[in-house]
Amino acid sequence: MAEKEQPNEEGLDVTVEDIQLDDAGQPAEPTPEDQLAAANDRILRLQAEVQNQISRGARQLQEERKYAALPLARDLLPVLDNVDRAIESAEKEGQTGGLLEGIKLVRQQLVTTLTQHKCEPIEAAGQPFNPDFHEAILQQPSDDAPAGSVVQDVQTGYKMHDRVVRASQVIVSSGPASADA
């Protein structure tokens, strides 16, 4: 006869051979000691499960707190880019004075605020191209840089802790220009 599996109270599968029979051939009632041992086992398993849930929840909360400023950083980076463009434009036109200095102070305050929230620029120029941190927008020959290295950082990328907020947009060297060209 094939073994039949029956779920017990704990939801575990029990084979026919595991069931103890009384003198009449009926399944024997578990002894109070067996019931106590099973209840203690269930309690220990439930305690472990609750502890795992608490630990998982704490890790999740810590992770959420660690990256809470990520959406704000993503929203502030275009503002920082525009402030940089305004400074660059004013300097090209030869403007000096209080307004330009004020804009530079605002830029510094933005950078300080981002840094306080662990949002820092990704170093790109001169580094080997890394698709985890860099987005190649152009590849060009360069006698100064080996193939596969970043020649120019077109748009600065930022990371928060170990996550990329925005990848750096870069120009990558294809190596020295060929003599045939």
Protein backbone atom coordinates (compact mmCIF):
# COMPACT_ATOMS: atom_id res chain seq x y z
CA MET A 1 0.00 0.00 0.00
CA ALA A 2 1.35 3.44 -0.93
CA GLU A 3 2.27 5.82 1.85
CA LYS A 4 -0.28 8.56 2.35
CA GLU A 5 0.76 11.91 3.70
CA GLN A 6 -1.54 13.75 6.06
CA PRO A 7 -0.96 17.30 7.23
CA ASN A 8 -0.76 17.55 11.00
CA GLU A 9 -1.76 20.50 13.21
CA GLU A 10 1.42 22.42 12.41
CA GLY A 11 0.89 21.98 8.67
CA LEU A 12 3.75 19.49 8.40
CA ASP A 13 3.40 16.36 6.31
CA VAL A 14 3.37 13.10 8.26
CA THR A 15 3.79 9.67 6.67
CA VAL A 16 1.66 6.70 7.67
CA GLU A 17 4.68 5.08 9.32
CA ASP A 18 5.16 8.14 11.55
CA ILE A 19 1.70 7.71 13.12
CA GLN A 20 1.75 5.55 16.23
CA LEU A 21 -1.21 3.23 16.61
CA ASP A 22 -2.91 2.12 19.83
CA ASP A 23 -3.92 -1.47 20.61
CA ALA A 24 -7.12 -1.16 18.55
CA GLY A 25 -5.20 -0.04 15.45
CA GLN A 26 -6.38 3.58 15.79
CA PRO A 27 -3.98 6.50 15.82
CA ALA A 28 -2.74 6.96 19.38
CA GLU A 29 -3.35 10.24 21.17
CA PRO A 30 -0.09 12.07 21.70
CA THR A 31 1.12 12.08 25.26
CA PRO A 32 1.07 15.36 27.19
CA GLU A 33 4.87 15.42 26.96
CA ASP A 34 4.67 15.09 23.16
CA GLN A 35 2.05 17.84 23.01
CA LEU A 36 4.19 20.08 25.21
CA ALA A 37 7.29 19.42 23.10
CA ALA A 38 5.35 20.18 19.92
CA ALA A 39 3.92 23.37 21.44
CA ASN A 40 7.37 24.49 22.61
CA ASP A 41 8.78 23.79 19.16
CA ARG A 42 5.96 25.83 17.58
CA ILE A 43 6.59 28.68 20.01
CA LEU A 44 10.33 28.69 19.26
CA ARG A 45 9.67 28.74 15.52
CA LEU A 46 7.17 31.58 15.86
CA GLN A 47 9.57 33.55 18.06
CA ALA A 48 12.31 33.12 15.46
CA GLU A 49 9.92 34.20 12.71
CA VAL A 50 8.89 37.30 14.68
CA GLN A 51 12.54 38.15 15.36
CA ASN A 52 13.33 37.78 11.65
CA GLN A 53 10.43 40.09 10.77
CA ILE A 54 11.65 42.68 13.29
CA SER A 55 15.20 42.49 11.91
CA ARG A 56 13.98 42.72 8.32
CA GLY A 57 11.78 45.72 9.20
CA ALA A 58 14.67 47.47 10.96
CA ARG A 59 16.97 46.94 7.96
CA GLN A 60 14.28 48.20 5.62
CA LEU A 61 13.67 51.30 7.76
CA GLN A 62 17.40 52.01 7.95
CA GLU A 63 17.65 51.69 4.15
CA GLU A 64 14.70 54.04 3.64
CA ARG A 65 16.22 56.62 5.98
CA LYS A 66 19.62 56.31 4.31
CA TYR A 67 18.19 57.15 0.88
CA ALA A 68 15.31 59.43 1.95
CA ALA A 69 16.92 62.47 0.29
CA LEU A 70 17.42 60.68 -3.05
CA PRO A 71 14.31 62.11 -4.78
CA LEU A 72 15.13 65.61 -3.54
CA ALA A 73 18.72 65.27 -4.79
CA ARG A 74 17.43 64.22 -8.22
CA ASP A 75 15.23 67.33 -8.28
CA LEU A 76 18.02 69.68 -7.13
CA LEU A 77 20.68 68.56 -9.62
CA PRO A 78 19.08 70.34 -12.62
CA VAL A 79 18.90 73.51 -10.48
CA LEU A 80 22.63 73.16 -9.74
CA ASP A 81 23.30 72.64 -13.47
CA ASN A 82 21.40 75.85 -14.29
CA VAL A 83 23.28 77.80 -11.63
CA ASP A 84 26.56 76.53 -13.14
CA ARG A 85 25.40 77.64 -16.60
CA ALA A 86 24.49 81.09 -15.26
CA ILE A 87 27.94 81.47 -13.68
CA GLU A 88 29.66 80.28 -16.87
CA SER A 89 27.62 82.67 -19.01
CA ALA A 90 28.31 85.63 -16.72
CA GLU A 91 32.04 84.89 -16.69
CA LYS A 92 32.12 84.60 -20.51
CA GLU A 93 30.53 88.03 -20.78
CA GLY A 94 33.12 89.42 -18.38
CA GLN A 95 30.61 90.29 -15.69
CA THR A 96 31.90 90.67 -12.18
CA GLY A 97 30.46 92.10 -9.04
CA GLY A 98 27.90 91.36 -6.41
CA LEU A 99 25.37 89.48 -8.53
CA LEU A 100 27.92 86.96 -9.80
CA GLU A 101 29.36 86.53 -6.31
CA GLY A 102 25.83 85.99 -4.96
CA ILE A 103 25.14 83.30 -7.56
CA LYS A 104 28.44 81.59 -6.65
CA LEU A 105 27.43 81.63 -2.97
CA VAL A 106 24.06 80.07 -3.84
CA ARG A 107 25.89 77.40 -5.82
CA GLN A 108 28.19 76.69 -2.89
CA GLN A 109 25.19 76.43 -0.56
CA LEU A 110 23.52 73.93 -2.91
CA VAL A 111 26.69 71.83 -3.09
CA THR A 112 27.10 71.94 0.71
CA THR A 113 23.49 70.86 1.24
CA LEU A 114 23.86 67.96 -1.19
CA THR A 115 27.12 66.91 0.48
CA GLN A 116 25.51 66.99 3.93
CA HIS A 117 23.04 64.41 2.61
CA LYS A 118 25.91 62.28 1.25
CA CYS A 119 25.20 63.26 -2.36
CA GLU A 120 28.62 63.74 -3.91
CA PRO A 121 29.98 64.21 -7.43
CA ILE A 122 31.28 61.20 -9.33
CA GLU A 123 34.89 61.62 -10.45
CA ALA A 124 35.00 61.01 -14.18
CA ALA A 125 37.76 62.88 -16.08
CA GLY A 126 40.84 60.70 -16.49
CA GLN A 127 39.12 57.65 -14.99
CA PRO A 128 38.49 54.39 -16.88
CA PHE A 129 34.97 54.34 -18.33
CA ASN A 130 32.60 52.55 -15.94
CA PRO A 131 29.03 52.01 -17.19
CA ASP A 132 27.82 51.86 -13.58
CA PHE A 133 28.78 55.53 -13.09
CA HIS A 134 29.26 56.97 -16.58
CA GLU A 135 27.04 57.43 -19.61
CA ALA A 136 29.09 57.70 -22.81
CA ILE A 137 27.63 60.32 -25.13
CA LEU A 138 30.57 60.44 -27.55
CA GLN A 139 33.73 58.56 -28.36
CA GLN A 140 36.66 60.42 -29.88
CA PRO A 141 40.34 59.81 -30.59
CA SER A 142 42.81 61.20 -28.06
CA ASP A 143 46.59 61.11 -28.03
CA ASP A 144 46.61 62.03 -24.34
CA ALA A 145 44.26 59.37 -22.97
CA PRO A 146 44.27 55.59 -23.40
CA ALA A 147 41.32 53.93 -25.11
CA GLY A 148 38.38 53.42 -22.79
CA SER A 149 39.17 56.29 -20.44
CA VAL A 150 37.06 59.38 -19.88
CA VAL A 151 38.41 62.40 -21.75
CA GLN A 152 35.81 64.97 -20.69
CA ASP A 153 32.97 65.17 -18.18
CA VAL A 154 30.10 66.87 -20.06
CA GLN A 155 27.59 66.67 -17.20
CA THR A 156 28.71 65.84 -13.67
CA GLY A 157 27.18 62.74 -12.17
CA TYR A 158 26.33 62.28 -8.52
CA LYS A 159 26.01 59.37 -6.13
CA MET A 160 24.40 59.07 -2.71
CA HIS A 161 26.19 56.57 -0.50
CA ASP A 162 26.58 53.68 -2.97
CA ARG A 163 23.69 54.53 -5.31
CA VAL A 164 23.97 56.57 -8.48
CA VAL A 165 21.68 59.59 -8.38
CA ARG A 166 22.66 60.62 -11.89
CA ALA A 167 25.33 59.09 -14.12
CA SER A 168 28.08 61.35 -15.46
CA GLN A 169 27.68 62.12 -19.16
CA VAL A 170 31.15 61.71 -20.59
CA ILE A 171 33.25 61.67 -23.74
CA VAL A 172 35.36 58.51 -23.93
CA SER A 173 38.72 58.11 -25.65
CA SER A 174 38.95 55.69 -28.54
CA GLY A 175 42.75 55.80 -28.30
CA PRO A 176 45.27 57.68 -30.44
CA ALA A 177 44.10 58.95 -33.81
CA SER A 178 45.14 56.62 -36.60
CA ALA A 179 47.79 57.82 -39.05
CA ASP A 180 45.63 56.66 -41.99
CA ALA A 181 42.95 59.28 -41.39
